[in-house]
N, C-alpha and C. Protein backbone atom coordinates (compact mmCIF):
# COMPACT_ATOMS: atom_id res chain seq x y z
N UNK A 1 19.50 35.80 18.01
CA UNK A 1 19.46 36.67 19.16
C UNK A 1 20.85 37.25 19.46
N UNK A 2 21.86 36.43 19.29
CA UNK A 2 23.22 36.88 19.54
C UNK A 2 23.60 38.00 18.58
N UNK A 3 23.20 37.85 17.32
CA UNK A 3 23.51 38.88 16.32
C UNK A 3 22.82 40.20 16.70
N UNK A 4 21.58 40.11 17.17
CA UNK A 4 20.86 41.31 17.59
C UNK A 4 21.53 42.00 18.76
N UNK A 5 21.99 41.21 19.73
CA UNK A 5 22.67 41.78 20.90
C UNK A 5 23.99 42.44 20.49
N UNK A 6 24.73 41.77 19.63
CA UNK A 6 25.98 42.36 19.15
C UNK A 6 25.73 43.62 18.33
N UNK A 7 24.64 43.62 17.57
CA UNK A 7 24.27 44.81 16.82
C UNK A 7 23.95 45.97 17.73
N UNK A 8 23.27 45.69 18.84
CA UNK A 8 22.97 46.74 19.82
C UNK A 8 24.23 47.31 20.44
N UNK A 9 25.18 46.44 20.75
CA UNK A 9 26.45 46.90 21.31
C UNK A 9 27.20 47.76 20.29
N UNK A 10 27.22 47.30 19.04
CA UNK A 10 27.88 48.06 17.98
C UNK A 10 27.23 49.43 17.78
N UNK A 11 25.91 49.45 17.72
CA UNK A 11 25.20 50.72 17.54
C UNK A 11 25.46 51.66 18.71
N UNK A 12 25.48 51.14 19.93
CA UNK A 12 25.76 51.96 21.10
C UNK A 12 27.15 52.57 21.05
N UNK A 13 28.12 51.78 20.63
CA UNK A 13 29.50 52.28 20.54
C UNK A 13 29.61 53.36 19.46
N UNK A 14 28.97 53.13 18.32
CA UNK A 14 29.00 54.13 17.23
C UNK A 14 28.33 55.41 17.70
N UNK A 15 27.20 55.29 18.39
CA UNK A 15 26.50 56.47 18.89
C UNK A 15 27.38 57.27 19.84
N UNK A 16 28.05 56.62 20.77
CA UNK A 16 28.91 57.34 21.72
C UNK A 16 30.03 58.08 21.01
N UNK A 17 30.66 57.43 20.03
CA UNK A 17 31.74 58.10 19.28
C UNK A 17 31.21 59.28 18.50
N UNK A 18 30.06 59.08 17.85
CA UNK A 18 29.47 60.15 17.05
C UNK A 18 29.06 61.32 17.94
N UNK A 19 28.48 61.02 19.09
CA UNK A 19 28.06 62.08 20.01
C UNK A 19 29.26 62.90 20.47
N UNK A 20 30.37 62.23 20.77
CA UNK A 20 31.59 62.95 21.18
C UNK A 20 32.03 63.94 20.11
N UNK A 21 31.94 63.52 18.85
CA UNK A 21 32.35 64.40 17.75
C UNK A 21 31.39 65.56 17.55
N UNK A 22 30.10 65.28 17.67
CA UNK A 22 29.09 66.32 17.42
C UNK A 22 29.03 67.32 18.57
N UNK A 23 28.93 66.82 19.79
CA UNK A 23 28.69 67.69 20.95
C UNK A 23 29.97 68.06 21.70
N UNK A 24 31.08 67.43 21.35
CA UNK A 24 32.35 67.67 22.05
C UNK A 24 32.21 67.40 23.55
N UNK A 25 31.47 66.33 23.87
CA UNK A 25 31.26 65.92 25.26
C UNK A 25 31.49 64.42 25.35
N UNK A 26 31.96 63.96 26.49
CA UNK A 26 32.17 62.54 26.71
C UNK A 26 30.87 61.80 27.01
N UNK A 27 30.01 62.40 27.82
CA UNK A 27 28.79 61.73 28.24
C UNK A 27 27.64 62.04 27.28
N UNK A 28 26.87 61.01 26.99
CA UNK A 28 25.68 61.20 26.19
C UNK A 28 24.52 61.59 27.11
N UNK A 29 23.63 62.45 26.66
CA UNK A 29 22.54 62.90 27.54
C UNK A 29 21.47 61.84 27.75
N UNK A 30 20.93 61.82 28.95
CA UNK A 30 19.77 61.00 29.28
C UNK A 30 18.57 61.93 29.39
N UNK A 31 17.39 61.39 29.20
CA UNK A 31 16.18 62.20 29.26
C UNK A 31 15.98 62.84 30.63
N UNK A 32 16.55 62.25 31.67
CA UNK A 32 16.35 62.76 33.03
C UNK A 32 17.51 63.63 33.51
N UNK A 33 18.47 63.94 32.64
CA UNK A 33 19.57 64.84 33.03
C UNK A 33 19.04 66.25 33.22
N UNK A 34 19.09 66.72 34.44
CA UNK A 34 18.53 68.03 34.76
C UNK A 34 19.27 69.16 34.06
N UNK A 35 20.57 69.00 33.85
CA UNK A 35 21.37 70.07 33.27
C UNK A 35 21.39 70.06 31.73
N UNK A 36 20.63 69.18 31.12
CA UNK A 36 20.56 69.13 29.65
C UNK A 36 19.24 69.72 29.18
N UNK A 37 19.28 70.42 28.07
CA UNK A 37 18.07 71.02 27.52
C UNK A 37 17.31 70.04 26.64
N UNK A 38 16.07 70.43 26.31
CA UNK A 38 15.23 69.60 25.47
C UNK A 38 15.90 69.30 24.13
N UNK A 39 16.47 70.31 23.51
CA UNK A 39 17.07 70.13 22.18
C UNK A 39 18.17 69.08 22.23
N UNK A 40 19.04 69.16 23.22
CA UNK A 40 20.15 68.22 23.32
C UNK A 40 19.65 66.79 23.59
N UNK A 41 18.69 66.64 24.50
CA UNK A 41 18.16 65.33 24.83
C UNK A 41 17.45 64.71 23.62
N UNK A 42 16.61 65.49 22.95
CA UNK A 42 15.85 64.95 21.81
C UNK A 42 16.75 64.68 20.60
N UNK A 43 17.74 65.50 20.39
CA UNK A 43 18.70 65.26 19.30
C UNK A 43 19.44 63.95 19.55
N UNK A 44 19.92 63.75 20.76
CA UNK A 44 20.63 62.52 21.10
C UNK A 44 19.72 61.30 20.93
N UNK A 45 18.48 61.41 21.37
CA UNK A 45 17.55 60.29 21.27
C UNK A 45 17.25 59.95 19.81
N UNK A 46 17.05 60.96 18.98
CA UNK A 46 16.77 60.74 17.56
C UNK A 46 17.98 60.10 16.86
N UNK A 47 19.16 60.59 17.15
CA UNK A 47 20.37 60.04 16.56
C UNK A 47 20.58 58.60 17.00
N UNK A 48 20.38 58.34 18.27
CA UNK A 48 20.55 56.98 18.78
C UNK A 48 19.53 56.03 18.15
N UNK A 49 18.29 56.44 18.05
CA UNK A 49 17.27 55.61 17.42
C UNK A 49 17.57 55.33 15.96
N UNK A 50 18.02 56.34 15.25
CA UNK A 50 18.35 56.17 13.83
C UNK A 50 19.50 55.19 13.66
N UNK A 51 20.51 55.29 14.51
CA UNK A 51 21.65 54.38 14.40
C UNK A 51 21.25 52.94 14.72
N UNK A 52 20.43 52.76 15.75
CA UNK A 52 19.98 51.41 16.07
C UNK A 52 19.16 50.82 14.93
N UNK A 53 18.30 51.61 14.32
CA UNK A 53 17.49 51.14 13.19
C UNK A 53 18.38 50.81 11.99
N UNK A 54 19.38 51.63 11.75
CA UNK A 54 20.30 51.40 10.64
C UNK A 54 21.07 50.11 10.83
N UNK A 55 21.61 49.90 12.01
CA UNK A 55 22.36 48.67 12.28
C UNK A 55 21.46 47.46 12.17
N UNK A 56 20.23 47.55 12.68
CA UNK A 56 19.29 46.43 12.59
C UNK A 56 18.99 46.10 11.13
N UNK A 57 18.76 47.12 10.31
CA UNK A 57 18.47 46.91 8.89
C UNK A 57 19.65 46.26 8.18
N UNK A 58 20.86 46.71 8.48
CA UNK A 58 22.06 46.12 7.86
C UNK A 58 22.18 44.66 8.24
N UNK A 59 21.99 44.34 9.53
CA UNK A 59 22.11 42.95 9.97
C UNK A 59 21.01 42.08 9.38
N UNK A 60 19.77 42.57 9.38
CA UNK A 60 18.66 41.80 8.81
C UNK A 60 18.87 41.54 7.32
N UNK A 61 19.25 42.56 6.61
CA UNK A 61 19.44 42.42 5.16
C UNK A 61 20.61 41.50 4.85
N UNK A 62 21.70 41.65 5.59
CA UNK A 62 22.87 40.79 5.38
C UNK A 62 22.53 39.34 5.68
N UNK A 63 21.76 39.11 6.73
CA UNK A 63 21.35 37.75 7.06
C UNK A 63 20.48 37.14 5.98
N UNK A 64 19.56 37.92 5.44
CA UNK A 64 18.69 37.43 4.38
C UNK A 64 19.47 37.10 3.11
N UNK A 65 20.41 37.95 2.77
CA UNK A 65 21.24 37.71 1.58
C UNK A 65 22.10 36.46 1.78
N UNK A 66 22.66 36.31 2.95
CA UNK A 66 23.48 35.12 3.24
C UNK A 66 22.61 33.86 3.19
N UNK A 67 21.40 33.93 3.72
CA UNK A 67 20.49 32.79 3.69
C UNK A 67 20.18 32.39 2.24
N UNK A 68 19.93 33.40 1.40
CA UNK A 68 19.65 33.11 -0.02
C UNK A 68 20.85 32.48 -0.70
N UNK A 69 22.04 32.94 -0.38
CA UNK A 69 23.25 32.35 -0.99
C UNK A 69 23.41 30.88 -0.60
N UNK A 70 23.08 30.57 0.64
CA UNK A 70 23.24 29.20 1.14
C UNK A 70 22.13 28.29 0.64
N UNK A 71 20.88 28.78 0.68
CA UNK A 71 19.74 27.92 0.38
C UNK A 71 19.16 28.12 -1.01
N UNK A 72 19.42 29.26 -1.62
CA UNK A 72 18.85 29.57 -2.92
C UNK A 72 17.46 30.20 -2.84
N UNK A 73 16.94 30.39 -1.63
CA UNK A 73 15.63 31.01 -1.46
C UNK A 73 15.73 32.16 -0.46
N UNK A 74 14.83 33.09 -0.63
CA UNK A 74 14.75 34.22 0.31
C UNK A 74 14.09 33.71 1.60
N UNK A 75 14.52 34.19 2.76
CA UNK A 75 13.94 33.71 4.02
C UNK A 75 12.42 33.92 4.07
N UNK A 76 11.72 32.96 4.63
CA UNK A 76 10.26 33.05 4.77
C UNK A 76 9.89 34.22 5.63
N UNK A 77 8.80 34.88 5.26
CA UNK A 77 8.31 36.02 6.05
C UNK A 77 9.09 37.30 5.81
N UNK A 78 10.00 37.30 4.92
CA UNK A 78 10.83 38.49 4.66
C UNK A 78 10.56 39.08 3.29
N UNK A 79 9.51 38.67 2.61
CA UNK A 79 9.22 39.17 1.27
C UNK A 79 8.60 40.53 1.31
């Protein structure tokens, strides 16, 4: 659970930095921001979702590989 929480924090930080570079804005858009358009809100949401999924996959895969190195078997339920 701790690894998942840290992964979420990492993904959030990466998203904020990436958004600053892409949009040249400090604040990331929320779906309820009245002054933001659909394109900007949906682009930010898609990017954020992709980054969270990427970080989760990296952490899950790394954990499985580490488990196999320690135990010699692939984690149960991960085949």
